[in-house]
Amino acid sequence: MTAGVEDDRGVATVWAAGAIAVLVSMAVFGMYLGEAVIIRHQAESAADLAALAGAAQALAGEEYACAQARRVTERMRVRLVSCHTRGWDVLVDVAAQPDGWLGSLGAATARARAGPAA
């Protein structure tokens, strides 16, 4: 055996362990990124549905329209930040807070407007 071969003994194990660590880190990052995207889509969907529910009751007044919007957001487990009417349009802002440490980065927000077509 030559001296050069013995010096490289075990280096493949170190490289394999490093590669596995990188792959696991990428998988965990991908999971958290996916969770953030899902929360954002949930906030956008809740805003859209809340605005539509409010617009369906806009004739009854802002208070009743926003009560309907709040009911939708509560069922979708997001927070209604603001709701008001402008003419026949209902404008809502919602926020969805993710669980775990991802929630410490902030809430996903969305806004929507619904009303009669022009």
C-alpha atoms as a PDB file:
ATOM      1  CA  MET A   1       0.000   0.000   0.000  1.00  0.00           C
ATOM      2  CA  THR A   2       1.143   3.466  -0.727  1.00  0.00           C
ATOM      3  CA  ALA A   3       1.115   6.320   1.735  1.00  0.00           C
ATOM      4  CA  GLY A   4      -1.289   8.417  -0.378  1.00  0.00           C
ATOM      5  CA  VAL A   5      -4.089   5.831  -0.240  1.00  0.00           C
ATOM      6  CA  GLU A   6      -3.979   5.537   3.540  1.00  0.00           C
ATOM      7  CA  ASP A   7      -4.273   9.329   3.948  1.00  0.00           C
ATOM      8  CA  ASP A   8      -7.649   9.334   2.124  1.00  0.00           C
ATOM      9  CA  ARG A   9      -9.143   6.586   4.227  1.00  0.00           C
ATOM     10  CA  GLY A  10     -12.637   7.587   5.539  1.00  0.00           C
ATOM     11  CA  VAL A  11     -12.988  10.706   3.425  1.00  0.00           C
ATOM     12  CA  ALA A  12     -15.964   9.227   1.532  1.00  0.00           C
ATOM     13  CA  THR A  13     -17.820   8.853   4.827  1.00  0.00           C
ATOM     14  CA  VAL A  14     -17.240  12.507   5.649  1.00  0.00           C
ATOM     15  CA  TRP A  15     -18.424  13.582   2.189  1.00  0.00           C
ATOM     16  CA  ALA A  16     -21.503  11.336   2.424  1.00  0.00           C
ATOM     17  CA  ALA A  17     -22.383  12.716   5.877  1.00  0.00           C
ATOM     18  CA  GLY A  18     -22.012  16.258   4.561  1.00  0.00           C
ATOM     19  CA  ALA A  19     -24.175  15.514   1.535  1.00  0.00           C
ATOM     20  CA  ILE A  20     -26.864  13.948   3.711  1.00  0.00           C
ATOM     21  CA  ALA A  21     -26.825  16.984   6.027  1.00  0.00           C
ATOM     22  CA  VAL A  22     -27.257  19.305   3.041  1.00  0.00           C
ATOM     23  CA  LEU A  23     -30.116  17.218   1.645  1.00  0.00           C
ATOM     24  CA  VAL A  24     -31.909  17.082   5.000  1.00  0.00           C
ATOM     25  CA  SER A  25     -31.475  20.847   5.436  1.00  0.00           C
ATOM     26  CA  MET A  26     -32.933  21.458   1.976  1.00  0.00           C
ATOM     27  CA  ALA A  27     -35.882  19.182   2.727  1.00  0.00           C
ATOM     28  CA  VAL A  28     -36.646  20.985   5.995  1.00  0.00           C
ATOM     29  CA  PHE A  29     -36.364  24.363   4.267  1.00  0.00           C
ATOM     30  CA  GLY A  30     -38.718  23.122   1.553  1.00  0.00           C
ATOM     31  CA  MET A  31     -41.267  22.016   4.139  1.00  0.00           C
ATOM     32  CA  TYR A  32     -41.253  25.427   5.833  1.00  0.00           C
ATOM     33  CA  LEU A  33     -41.439  27.197   2.499  1.00  0.00           C
ATOM     34  CA  GLY A  34     -44.418  25.024   1.561  1.00  0.00           C
ATOM     35  CA  GLU A  35     -46.127  25.830   4.853  1.00  0.00           C
ATOM     36  CA  ALA A  36     -45.632  29.567   4.254  1.00  0.00           C
ATOM     37  CA  VAL A  37     -47.141  29.274   0.769  1.00  0.00           C
ATOM     38  CA  ILE A  38     -50.124  27.338   2.113  1.00  0.00           C
ATOM     39  CA  ILE A  39     -50.749  29.953   4.813  1.00  0.00           C
ATOM     40  CA  ARG A  40     -50.581  32.734   2.221  1.00  0.00           C
ATOM     41  CA  HIS A  41     -53.074  30.914  -0.015  1.00  0.00           C
ATOM     42  CA  GLN A  42     -55.343  30.357   2.975  1.00  0.00           C
ATOM     43  CA  ALA A  43     -55.280  34.092   3.752  1.00  0.00           C
ATOM     44  CA  GLU A  44     -56.021  35.000   0.133  1.00  0.00           C
ATOM     45  CA  SER A  45     -58.891  32.519  -0.086  1.00  0.00           C
ATOM     46  CA  ALA A  46     -60.367  33.729   3.192  1.00  0.00           C
ATOM     47  CA  ALA A  47     -60.175  37.349   2.029  1.00  0.00           C
ATOM     48  CA  ASP A  48     -61.890  36.527  -1.251  1.00  0.00           C
ATOM     49  CA  LEU A  49     -64.663  34.523   0.382  1.00  0.00           C
ATOM     50  CA  ALA A  50     -65.178  37.094   3.147  1.00  0.00           C
ATOM     51  CA  ALA A  51     -65.485  39.904   0.603  1.00  0.00           C
ATOM     52  CA  LEU A  52     -67.985  37.886  -1.418  1.00  0.00           C
ATOM     53  CA  ALA A  53     -70.024  37.030   1.676  1.00  0.00           C
ATOM     54  CA  GLY A  54     -70.040  40.668   2.693  1.00  0.00           C
ATOM     55  CA  ALA A  55     -70.963  41.846  -0.794  1.00  0.00           C
ATOM     56  CA  ALA A  56     -73.921  39.473  -0.826  1.00  0.00           C
ATOM     57  CA  GLN A  57     -75.252  41.344   2.213  1.00  0.00           C
ATOM     58  CA  ALA A  58     -74.137  44.867   1.248  1.00  0.00           C
ATOM     59  CA  LEU A  59     -77.736  46.050   0.813  1.00  0.00           C
ATOM     60  CA  ALA A  60     -78.352  45.415   4.524  1.00  0.00           C
ATOM     61  CA  GLY A  61     -75.608  47.855   5.482  1.00  0.00           C
ATOM     62  CA  GLU A  62     -71.938  47.859   6.418  1.00  0.00           C
ATOM     63  CA  GLU A  63     -72.453  46.390   9.873  1.00  0.00           C
ATOM     64  CA  TYR A  64     -74.304  43.317   8.591  1.00  0.00           C
ATOM     65  CA  ALA A  65     -71.990  42.883   5.595  1.00  0.00           C
ATOM     66  CA  CYS A  66     -68.919  42.943   7.845  1.00  0.00           C
ATOM     67  CA  ALA A  67     -70.584  40.543  10.283  1.00  0.00           C
ATOM     68  CA  GLN A  68     -70.955  38.064   7.432  1.00  0.00           C
ATOM     69  CA  ALA A  69     -67.329  38.621   6.424  1.00  0.00           C
ATOM     70  CA  ARG A  70     -66.205  38.042  10.025  1.00  0.00           C
ATOM     71  CA  ARG A  71     -68.199  34.812  10.192  1.00  0.00           C
ATOM     72  CA  VAL A  72     -66.388  33.487   7.116  1.00  0.00           C
ATOM     73  CA  THR A  73     -62.945  34.430   8.422  1.00  0.00           C
ATOM     74  CA  GLU A  74     -63.614  32.822  11.797  1.00  0.00           C
ATOM     75  CA  ARG A  75     -64.603  29.568  10.120  1.00  0.00           C
ATOM     76  CA  MET A  76     -61.446  29.668   7.994  1.00  0.00           C
ATOM     77  CA  ARG A  77     -59.327  30.324  11.115  1.00  0.00           C
ATOM     78  CA  VAL A  78     -57.932  33.673  10.016  1.00  0.00           C
ATOM     79  CA  ARG A  79     -58.288  37.099  11.618  1.00  0.00           C
ATOM     80  CA  LEU A  80     -60.369  39.840  10.020  1.00  0.00           C
ATOM     81  CA  VAL A  81     -58.166  42.929  10.299  1.00  0.00           C
ATOM     82  CA  SER A  82     -60.547  45.427   8.712  1.00  0.00           C
ATOM     83  CA  CYS A  83     -63.820  45.517   6.854  1.00  0.00           C
ATOM     84  CA  HIS A  84     -65.659  48.446   5.349  1.00  0.00           C
ATOM     85  CA  THR A  85     -67.878  49.308   2.440  1.00  0.00           C
ATOM     86  CA  ARG A  86     -67.282  51.825  -0.299  1.00  0.00           C
ATOM     87  CA  GLY A  87     -70.494  52.286  -2.209  1.00  0.00           C
ATOM     88  CA  TRP A  88     -71.669  48.753  -2.997  1.00  0.00           C
ATOM     89  CA  ASP A  89     -68.178  47.272  -2.679  1.00  0.00           C
ATOM     90  CA  VAL A  90     -66.964  45.460   0.421  1.00  0.00           C
ATOM     91  CA  LEU A  91     -63.250  45.721   1.202  1.00  0.00           C
ATOM     92  CA  VAL A  92     -61.638  43.318   3.669  1.00  0.00           C
ATOM     93  CA  ASP A  93     -58.140  42.779   5.053  1.00  0.00           C
ATOM     94  CA  VAL A  94     -57.260  39.495   6.754  1.00  0.00           C
ATOM     95  CA  ALA A  95     -54.220  38.012   8.477  1.00  0.00           C
ATOM     96  CA  ALA A  96     -53.280  34.361   8.992  1.00  0.00           C
ATOM     97  CA  GLN A  97     -50.718  33.519  11.659  1.00  0.00           C
ATOM     98  CA  PRO A  98     -48.714  30.311  11.092  1.00  0.00           C
ATOM     99  CA  ASP A  99     -47.908  28.002  13.982  1.00  0.00           C
ATOM    100  CA  GLY A 100     -44.462  27.402  15.422  1.00  0.00           C
ATOM    101  CA  TRP A 101     -41.363  29.478  14.815  1.00  0.00           C
ATOM    102  CA  LEU A 102     -42.635  30.429  11.370  1.00  0.00           C
ATOM    103  CA  GLY A 103     -45.271  32.533  13.131  1.00  0.00           C
ATOM    104  CA  SER A 104     -42.539  34.643  14.701  1.00  0.00           C
ATOM    105  CA  LEU A 105     -41.636  35.889  11.224  1.00  0.00           C
ATOM    106  CA  GLY A 106     -45.046  37.548  10.868  1.00  0.00           C
ATOM    107  CA  ALA A 107     -48.524  36.925   9.597  1.00  0.00           C
ATOM    108  CA  ALA A 108     -49.576  36.357   6.018  1.00  0.00           C
ATOM    109  CA  THR A 109     -51.927  39.153   4.990  1.00  0.00           C
ATOM    110  CA  ALA A 110     -54.357  39.530   2.127  1.00  0.00           C
ATOM    111  CA  ARG A 111     -56.969  41.983   1.004  1.00  0.00           C
ATOM    112  CA  ALA A 112     -59.928  41.604  -1.291  1.00  0.00           C
ATOM    113  CA  ARG A 113     -62.727  43.666  -2.754  1.00  0.00           C
ATOM    114  CA  ALA A 114     -66.073  42.399  -3.973  1.00  0.00           C
ATOM    115  CA  GLY A 115     -69.109  44.111  -5.354  1.00  0.00           C
ATOM    116  CA  PRO A 116     -71.252  44.412  -8.449  1.00  0.00           C
ATOM    117  CA  ALA A 117     -69.597  44.380 -11.849  1.00  0.00           C
ATOM    118  CA  ALA A 118     -69.131  47.762 -13.491  1.00  0.00           C
END
